[in-house]
């Protein structure tokens, strides 16, 4: 197979495949309210891809609230318990626009598909959405030593897919995830207006704009050193 030929796409889960951002917001907002700290949707977006403990730390830092390790663990536990109750109500309707068709097209074209999510609830969400059969690997974050922005979780996915990193595209909506991807030889695609165009090989505002044809073109141009963003920008 040619080096410039795309072999695998590695997805983040929350905000890329699953419409869970509002659920994270509700779970994180509950922590903030308990700490009497202000919390916004913008801050919630910045926390995507970050561990529960680190999330609690950053929420507390917004109000200069000092927490012991035990308190952080308790808040992290309660936050996850609340989030788990929310995701149990998810259905295929919580798939983001265009994602089901994208996964189907990847399978038809023989492109391997992996999940690199920082969420320990990834398997629960995937089962609730009814999409497990599409994935060739789902990285177990509990076995990852360093979370995003460390690239370990993406490199682990490539290893499990038996594909070299330079034959992969990775898709993320979180700043930490983008930083992780950019430390590998993978081509990065960002989802969302909040991401800087210059930080990724390609950016879309909506998952509805993710198509296999476009992803392949982005990959090929990146491998040739061409800036695809300059030729294709969503308004």
C-alpha atoms as a PDB file:
ATOM      1  CA  UNK A   1       0.000   0.000   0.000  1.00  0.00           C
ATOM      2  CA  UNK A   2       1.333   3.445  -0.905  1.00  0.00           C
ATOM      3  CA  UNK A   3       2.549   5.671   1.913  1.00  0.00           C
ATOM      4  CA  UNK A   4       0.196   8.464   0.811  1.00  0.00           C
ATOM      5  CA  UNK A   5      -2.834   6.181   0.958  1.00  0.00           C
ATOM      6  CA  UNK A   6      -5.121   6.571   3.968  1.00  0.00           C
ATOM      7  CA  UNK A   7      -5.433   3.328   5.944  1.00  0.00           C
ATOM      8  CA  UNK A   8      -7.171   4.326   9.184  1.00  0.00           C
ATOM      9  CA  UNK A   9      -9.236   7.039  10.829  1.00  0.00           C
ATOM     10  CA  UNK A  10      -9.021   7.446  14.596  1.00  0.00           C
ATOM     11  CA  UNK A  11     -11.888   9.275  16.250  1.00  0.00           C
ATOM     12  CA  UNK A  12     -12.325  11.021  19.530  1.00  0.00           C
ATOM     13  CA  UNK A  13     -15.788  10.131  20.842  1.00  0.00           C
ATOM     14  CA  UNK A  14     -17.415  13.014  22.705  1.00  0.00           C
ATOM     15  CA  UNK A  15     -18.134  15.945  20.410  1.00  0.00           C
ATOM     16  CA  UNK A  16     -16.960  14.058  17.322  1.00  0.00           C
ATOM     17  CA  UNK A  17     -19.167  10.968  17.209  1.00  0.00           C
ATOM     18  CA  UNK A  18     -21.485  11.401  20.176  1.00  0.00           C
ATOM     19  CA  UNK A  19     -23.523  14.469  21.075  1.00  0.00           C
ATOM     20  CA  UNK A  20     -22.484  14.436  24.729  1.00  0.00           C
ATOM     21  CA  UNK A  21     -21.096  17.936  25.239  1.00  0.00           C
ATOM     22  CA  UNK A  22     -24.315  19.121  26.887  1.00  0.00           C
ATOM     23  CA  UNK A  23     -24.252  16.070  29.165  1.00  0.00           C
ATOM     24  CA  UNK A  24     -20.683  16.863  30.223  1.00  0.00           C
ATOM     25  CA  UNK A  25     -21.791  20.418  30.814  1.00  0.00           C
ATOM     26  CA  UNK A  26     -24.546  19.289  33.165  1.00  0.00           C
ATOM     27  CA  UNK A  27     -22.191  16.980  35.078  1.00  0.00           C
ATOM     28  CA  UNK A  28     -19.429  19.599  35.297  1.00  0.00           C
ATOM     29  CA  UNK A  29     -21.884  22.371  36.188  1.00  0.00           C
ATOM     30  CA  UNK A  30     -23.070  20.311  39.137  1.00  0.00           C
ATOM     31  CA  UNK A  31     -19.503  20.212  40.471  1.00  0.00           C
ATOM     32  CA  UNK A  32     -19.099  23.946  39.914  1.00  0.00           C
ATOM     33  CA  UNK A  33     -22.368  24.695  41.688  1.00  0.00           C
ATOM     34  CA  UNK A  34     -21.309  22.613  44.679  1.00  0.00           C
ATOM     35  CA  UNK A  35     -18.068  24.582  44.819  1.00  0.00           C
ATOM     36  CA  UNK A  36     -19.943  27.868  44.290  1.00  0.00           C
ATOM     37  CA  UNK A  37     -17.823  28.528  41.208  1.00  0.00           C
ATOM     38  CA  UNK A  38     -19.054  30.099  37.967  1.00  0.00           C
ATOM     39  CA  UNK A  39     -19.050  27.754  34.976  1.00  0.00           C
ATOM     40  CA  UNK A  40     -19.587  28.430  31.276  1.00  0.00           C
ATOM     41  CA  UNK A  41     -20.072  26.423  28.098  1.00  0.00           C
ATOM     42  CA  UNK A  42     -16.782  27.866  26.856  1.00  0.00           C
ATOM     43  CA  UNK A  43     -14.910  26.440  29.839  1.00  0.00           C
ATOM     44  CA  UNK A  44     -16.732  23.148  29.399  1.00  0.00           C
ATOM     45  CA  UNK A  45     -15.434  22.951  25.833  1.00  0.00           C
ATOM     46  CA  UNK A  46     -11.877  23.554  27.030  1.00  0.00           C
ATOM     47  CA  UNK A  47     -12.199  20.624  29.415  1.00  0.00           C
ATOM     48  CA  UNK A  48     -12.972  18.116  26.652  1.00  0.00           C
ATOM     49  CA  UNK A  49     -10.504  15.236  26.595  1.00  0.00           C
ATOM     50  CA  UNK A  50      -9.182  15.917  30.086  1.00  0.00           C
ATOM     51  CA  UNK A  51      -9.353  13.406  32.936  1.00  0.00           C
ATOM     52  CA  UNK A  52     -12.034  13.671  35.629  1.00  0.00           C
ATOM     53  CA  UNK A  53      -9.559  14.537  38.374  1.00  0.00           C
ATOM     54  CA  UNK A  54      -7.940  17.237  36.244  1.00  0.00           C
ATOM     55  CA  UNK A  55     -11.385  18.571  35.319  1.00  0.00           C
ATOM     56  CA  UNK A  56     -12.308  18.936  38.996  1.00  0.00           C
ATOM     57  CA  UNK A  57      -8.987  20.690  39.640  1.00  0.00           C
ATOM     58  CA  UNK A  58      -9.556  23.184  36.831  1.00  0.00           C
ATOM     59  CA  UNK A  59     -13.150  23.895  37.883  1.00  0.00           C
ATOM     60  CA  UNK A  60     -11.989  24.518  41.458  1.00  0.00           C
ATOM     61  CA  UNK A  61      -9.203  26.773  40.185  1.00  0.00           C
ATOM     62  CA  UNK A  62     -11.816  29.034  38.562  1.00  0.00           C
ATOM     63  CA  UNK A  63     -12.868  30.096  42.053  1.00  0.00           C
ATOM     64  CA  UNK A  64      -9.454  29.716  43.711  1.00  0.00           C
ATOM     65  CA  UNK A  65     -10.915  26.839  45.719  1.00  0.00           C
ATOM     66  CA  UNK A  66      -8.365  24.526  47.322  1.00  0.00           C
ATOM     67  CA  UNK A  67      -9.303  20.869  47.502  1.00  0.00           C
ATOM     68  CA  UNK A  68      -7.543  17.965  49.170  1.00  0.00           C
ATOM     69  CA  UNK A  69      -6.801  14.861  47.124  1.00  0.00           C
ATOM     70  CA  UNK A  70      -9.651  13.096  48.916  1.00  0.00           C
ATOM     71  CA  UNK A  71     -12.072  15.899  48.066  1.00  0.00           C
ATOM     72  CA  UNK A  72     -11.018  15.857  44.405  1.00  0.00           C
ATOM     73  CA  UNK A  73     -11.583  12.119  44.257  1.00  0.00           C
ATOM     74  CA  UNK A  74     -15.022  12.485  45.823  1.00  0.00           C
ATOM     75  CA  UNK A  75     -16.084  15.217  43.394  1.00  0.00           C
ATOM     76  CA  UNK A  76     -14.697  13.203  40.456  1.00  0.00           C
ATOM     77  CA  UNK A  77     -16.618  10.134  41.603  1.00  0.00           C
ATOM     78  CA  UNK A  78     -19.883  12.032  42.033  1.00  0.00           C
ATOM     79  CA  UNK A  79     -19.435  13.791  38.685  1.00  0.00           C
ATOM     80  CA  UNK A  80     -18.953  10.473  36.905  1.00  0.00           C
ATOM     81  CA  UNK A  81     -21.907   8.917  38.715  1.00  0.00           C
ATOM     82  CA  UNK A  82     -24.127  11.770  37.513  1.00  0.00           C
ATOM     83  CA  UNK A  83     -22.754  11.528  33.964  1.00  0.00           C
ATOM     84  CA  UNK A  84     -23.303   7.762  33.838  1.00  0.00           C
ATOM     85  CA  UNK A  85     -26.963   8.275  34.734  1.00  0.00           C
ATOM     86  CA  UNK A  86     -27.266  10.746  31.847  1.00  0.00           C
ATOM     87  CA  UNK A  87     -25.615   8.572  29.186  1.00  0.00           C
ATOM     88  CA  UNK A  88     -27.763   5.558  30.019  1.00  0.00           C
ATOM     89  CA  UNK A  89     -30.608   7.461  28.346  1.00  0.00           C
ATOM     90  CA  UNK A  90     -28.707   7.902  25.068  1.00  0.00           C
ATOM     91  CA  UNK A  91     -29.872   6.416  21.753  1.00  0.00           C
ATOM     92  CA  UNK A  92     -28.787   6.513  18.099  1.00  0.00           C
ATOM     93  CA  UNK A  93     -30.398   9.956  17.993  1.00  0.00           C
ATOM     94  CA  UNK A  94     -27.371  11.225  19.915  1.00  0.00           C
ATOM     95  CA  UNK A  95     -25.042  10.512  16.999  1.00  0.00           C
ATOM     96  CA  UNK A  96     -23.726  13.776  15.578  1.00  0.00           C
ATOM     97  CA  UNK A  97     -24.782  14.795  12.035  1.00  0.00           C
ATOM     98  CA  UNK A  98     -23.319  12.708   9.220  1.00  0.00           C
ATOM     99  CA  UNK A  99     -21.378  10.343  11.488  1.00  0.00           C
ATOM    100  CA  UNK A 100     -23.377   7.177  10.802  1.00  0.00           C
ATOM    101  CA  UNK A 101     -22.915   7.628   7.046  1.00  0.00           C
ATOM    102  CA  UNK A 102     -19.215   8.386   7.509  1.00  0.00           C
ATOM    103  CA  UNK A 103     -18.674   5.187   9.502  1.00  0.00           C
ATOM    104  CA  UNK A 104     -20.604   3.178   6.914  1.00  0.00           C
ATOM    105  CA  UNK A 105     -18.534   4.646   4.065  1.00  0.00           C
ATOM    106  CA  UNK A 106     -15.268   3.899   5.897  1.00  0.00           C
ATOM    107  CA  UNK A 107     -16.299   0.260   6.230  1.00  0.00           C
ATOM    108  CA  UNK A 108     -17.295   0.040   2.572  1.00  0.00           C
ATOM    109  CA  UNK A 109     -13.922   1.440   1.498  1.00  0.00           C
ATOM    110  CA  UNK A 110     -11.877  -0.775   3.802  1.00  0.00           C
ATOM    111  CA  UNK A 111     -10.619   2.045   6.016  1.00  0.00           C
ATOM    112  CA  UNK A 112      -9.922   0.877   9.558  1.00  0.00           C
ATOM    113  CA  UNK A 113     -11.670   2.771  12.339  1.00  0.00           C
ATOM    114  CA  UNK A 114     -10.534   3.307  15.933  1.00  0.00           C
ATOM    115  CA  UNK A 115     -11.647   5.216  19.018  1.00  0.00           C
ATOM    116  CA  UNK A 116      -9.227   7.170  21.221  1.00  0.00           C
ATOM    117  CA  UNK A 117     -11.425   8.640  23.925  1.00  0.00           C
ATOM    118  CA  UNK A 118     -10.336   9.904  27.323  1.00  0.00           C
ATOM    119  CA  UNK A 119     -13.656   8.795  28.754  1.00  0.00           C
ATOM    120  CA  UNK A 120     -13.792   5.618  30.829  1.00  0.00           C
ATOM    121  CA  UNK A 121     -17.464   5.525  29.801  1.00  0.00           C
ATOM    122  CA  UNK A 122     -16.674   5.194  26.088  1.00  0.00           C
ATOM    123  CA  UNK A 123     -17.907   1.614  25.789  1.00  0.00           C
ATOM    124  CA  UNK A 124     -21.196   2.480  27.497  1.00  0.00           C
ATOM    125  CA  UNK A 125     -21.773   5.359  25.070  1.00  0.00           C
ATOM    126  CA  UNK A 126     -20.831   3.289  22.009  1.00  0.00           C
ATOM    127  CA  UNK A 127     -23.237   0.531  23.016  1.00  0.00           C
ATOM    128  CA  UNK A 128     -26.014   3.046  23.715  1.00  0.00           C
ATOM    129  CA  UNK A 129     -25.502   4.494  20.233  1.00  0.00           C
ATOM    130  CA  UNK A 130     -25.547   1.025  18.659  1.00  0.00           C
ATOM    131  CA  UNK A 131     -22.333   1.506  16.678  1.00  0.00           C
ATOM    132  CA  UNK A 132     -19.857  -0.968  18.200  1.00  0.00           C
ATOM    133  CA  UNK A 133     -19.710  -3.115  15.045  1.00  0.00           C
ATOM    134  CA  UNK A 134     -18.069  -0.285  13.089  1.00  0.00           C
ATOM    135  CA  UNK A 135     -14.888  -0.131  15.170  1.00  0.00           C
ATOM    136  CA  UNK A 136     -11.733  -2.172  14.722  1.00  0.00           C
ATOM    137  CA  UNK A 137     -10.374  -0.959  18.051  1.00  0.00           C
ATOM    138  CA  UNK A 138     -11.529   1.002  21.080  1.00  0.00           C
ATOM    139  CA  UNK A 139      -8.600   2.061  23.241  1.00  0.00           C
ATOM    140  CA  UNK A 140      -9.103   1.335  26.942  1.00  0.00           C
ATOM    141  CA  UNK A 141      -8.177   4.636  28.590  1.00  0.00           C
ATOM    142  CA  UNK A 142      -7.645   2.833  31.897  1.00  0.00           C
ATOM    143  CA  UNK A 143      -4.552   1.225  30.387  1.00  0.00           C
ATOM    144  CA  UNK A 144      -3.133   4.544  29.178  1.00  0.00           C
ATOM    145  CA  UNK A 145      -0.381   5.942  31.393  1.00  0.00           C
ATOM    146  CA  UNK A 146      -0.495   9.527  30.135  1.00  0.00           C
ATOM    147  CA  UNK A 147      -3.687  11.306  29.088  1.00  0.00           C
ATOM    148  CA  UNK A 148      -4.152  13.930  26.398  1.00  0.00           C
ATOM    149  CA  UNK A 149      -2.327  16.137  25.435  1.00  0.00           C
ATOM    150  CA  UNK A 150       0.176  13.271  25.549  1.00  0.00           C
ATOM    151  CA  UNK A 151      -0.066  11.336  22.242  1.00  0.00           C
ATOM    152  CA  UNK A 152      -0.036   7.879  23.877  1.00  0.00           C
ATOM    153  CA  UNK A 153      -3.742   7.158  23.341  1.00  0.00           C
ATOM    154  CA  UNK A 154      -3.572   7.904  19.600  1.00  0.00           C
ATOM    155  CA  UNK A 155      -0.366   5.941  19.100  1.00  0.00           C
ATOM    156  CA  UNK A 156      -1.937   3.045  20.990  1.00  0.00           C
ATOM    157  CA  UNK A 157      -4.889   3.091  18.589  1.00  0.00           C
ATOM    158  CA  UNK A 158      -2.572   2.961  15.571  1.00  0.00           C
ATOM    159  CA  UNK A 159      -0.709   0.047  17.152  1.00  0.00           C
ATOM    160  CA  UNK A 160      -3.939  -1.842  17.834  1.00  0.00           C
ATOM    161  CA  UNK A 161      -5.105  -1.177  14.269  1.00  0.00           C
ATOM    162  CA  UNK A 162      -1.717  -2.437  13.001  1.00  0.00           C
ATOM    163  CA  UNK A 163      -1.258   0.740  10.991  1.00  0.00           C
ATOM    164  CA  UNK A 164       1.647   3.170  11.055  1.00  0.00           C
ATOM    165  CA  UNK A 165       0.793   6.632  12.441  1.00  0.00           C
ATOM    166  CA  UNK A 166       1.674   8.322   9.145  1.00  0.00           C
ATOM    167  CA  UNK A 167      -1.110   6.336   7.452  1.00  0.00           C
ATOM    168  CA  UNK A 168      -3.745   7.677   9.854  1.00  0.00           C
ATOM    169  CA  UNK A 169      -6.078  10.650  10.151  1.00  0.00           C
ATOM    170  CA  UNK A 170      -7.209  11.541  13.679  1.00  0.00           C
ATOM    171  CA  UNK A 171     -10.331  13.622  14.328  1.00  0.00           C
ATOM    172  CA  UNK A 172     -10.784  15.688  17.496  1.00  0.00           C
ATOM    173  CA  UNK A 173     -12.847  18.529  18.932  1.00  0.00           C
ATOM    174  CA  UNK A 174     -10.741  19.125  22.044  1.00  0.00           C
ATOM    175  CA  UNK A 175      -7.655  21.331  22.284  1.00  0.00           C
ATOM    176  CA  UNK A 176      -5.832  18.719  24.366  1.00  0.00           C
ATOM    177  CA  UNK A 177      -6.602  16.069  21.756  1.00  0.00           C
ATOM    178  CA  UNK A 178      -5.366  18.235  18.892  1.00  0.00           C
ATOM    179  CA  UNK A 179      -2.097  18.829  20.750  1.00  0.00           C
ATOM    180  CA  UNK A 180      -1.782  15.074  21.199  1.00  0.00           C
ATOM    181  CA  UNK A 181      -2.356  14.318  17.513  1.00  0.00           C
ATOM    182  CA  UNK A 182       0.128  16.973  16.436  1.00  0.00           C
ATOM    183  CA  UNK A 183       2.876  15.199  18.370  1.00  0.00           C
ATOM    184  CA  UNK A 184       2.448  12.188  16.085  1.00  0.00           C
ATOM    185  CA  UNK A 185       2.844  11.659  12.338  1.00  0.00           C
ATOM    186  CA  UNK A 186      -0.932  11.564  11.931  1.00  0.00           C
ATOM    187  CA  UNK A 187      -2.940  14.102   9.947  1.00  0.00           C
ATOM    188  CA  UNK A 188      -5.166  16.155  12.255  1.00  0.00           C
ATOM    189  CA  UNK A 189      -8.761  17.209  11.592  1.00  0.00           C
ATOM    190  CA  UNK A 190     -10.484  19.492  14.078  1.00  0.00           C
ATOM    191  CA  UNK A 191     -14.222  19.858  14.638  1.00  0.00           C
ATOM    192  CA  UNK A 192     -15.608  23.164  15.886  1.00  0.00           C
ATOM    193  CA  UNK A 193     -15.275  26.925  15.574  1.00  0.00           C
ATOM    194  CA  UNK A 194     -13.449  27.060  18.905  1.00  0.00           C
ATOM    195  CA  UNK A 195     -10.360  25.427  17.385  1.00  0.00           C
ATOM    196  CA  UNK A 196      -7.714  27.491  15.621  1.00  0.00           C
ATOM    197  CA  UNK A 197      -7.418  26.698  11.937  1.00  0.00           C
ATOM    198  CA  UNK A 198      -3.626  26.940  12.081  1.00  0.00           C
ATOM    199  CA  UNK A 199      -3.456  24.178  14.729  1.00  0.00           C
ATOM    200  CA  UNK A 200      -4.864  21.463  12.453  1.00  0.00           C
ATOM    201  CA  UNK A 201      -4.386  20.185   8.927  1.00  0.00           C
ATOM    202  CA  UNK A 202      -8.079  20.786   8.336  1.00  0.00           C
ATOM    203  CA  UNK A 203     -11.019  22.168  10.294  1.00  0.00           C
ATOM    204  CA  UNK A 204     -14.774  21.814   9.935  1.00  0.00           C
ATOM    205  CA  UNK A 205     -17.439  23.556  11.965  1.00  0.00           C
ATOM    206  CA  UNK A 206     -19.795  20.573  11.888  1.00  0.00           C
ATOM    207  CA  UNK A 207     -19.420  16.807  11.652  1.00  0.00           C
ATOM    208  CA  UNK A 208     -21.881  17.032   8.755  1.00  0.00           C
ATOM    209  CA  UNK A 209     -18.919  18.295   6.712  1.00  0.00           C
ATOM    210  CA  UNK A 210     -16.862  15.138   7.324  1.00  0.00           C
ATOM    211  CA  UNK A 211     -16.879  12.879   4.269  1.00  0.00           C
ATOM    212  CA  UNK A 212     -14.494  10.113   3.250  1.00  0.00           C
ATOM    213  CA  UNK A 213     -13.687  11.868  -0.016  1.00  0.00           C
ATOM    214  CA  UNK A 214     -12.755  15.088   1.780  1.00  0.00           C
ATOM    215  CA  UNK A 215     -10.774  13.266   4.476  1.00  0.00           C
ATOM    216  CA  UNK A 216      -8.790  11.400   1.828  1.00  0.00           C
ATOM    217  CA  UNK A 217      -8.043  14.661   0.003  1.00  0.00           C
ATOM    218  CA  UNK A 218      -6.906  16.310   3.237  1.00  0.00           C
ATOM    219  CA  UNK A 219      -4.657  13.322   3.972  1.00  0.00           C
ATOM    220  CA  UNK A 220      -3.119  13.266   0.501  1.00  0.00           C
ATOM    221  CA  UNK A 221      -2.481  17.018   0.460  1.00  0.00           C
ATOM    222  CA  UNK A 222      -0.941  16.895   3.946  1.00  0.00           C
ATOM    223  CA  UNK A 223       1.396  14.121   2.839  1.00  0.00           C
ATOM    224  CA  UNK A 224       2.437  16.272  -0.112  1.00  0.00           C
ATOM    225  CA  UNK A 225       2.921  19.299   2.121  1.00  0.00           C
ATOM    226  CA  UNK A 226      -0.057  21.212   0.730  1.00  0.00           C
ATOM    227  CA  UNK A 227      -2.253  23.348   3.003  1.00  0.00           C
ATOM    228  CA  UNK A 228      -5.763  22.044   2.440  1.00  0.00           C
ATOM    229  CA  UNK A 229      -7.347  24.662   4.693  1.00  0.00           C
ATOM    230  CA  UNK A 230      -6.410  27.395   2.242  1.00  0.00           C
ATOM    231  CA  UNK A 231      -8.337  25.635  -0.502  1.00  0.00           C
ATOM    232  CA  UNK A 232     -11.358  24.584   1.559  1.00  0.00           C
ATOM    233  CA  UNK A 233     -12.737  26.694   4.366  1.00  0.00           C
ATOM    234  CA  UNK A 234     -16.187  26.361   5.865  1.00  0.00           C
ATOM    235  CA  UNK A 235     -17.928  29.643   6.605  1.00  0.00           C
END
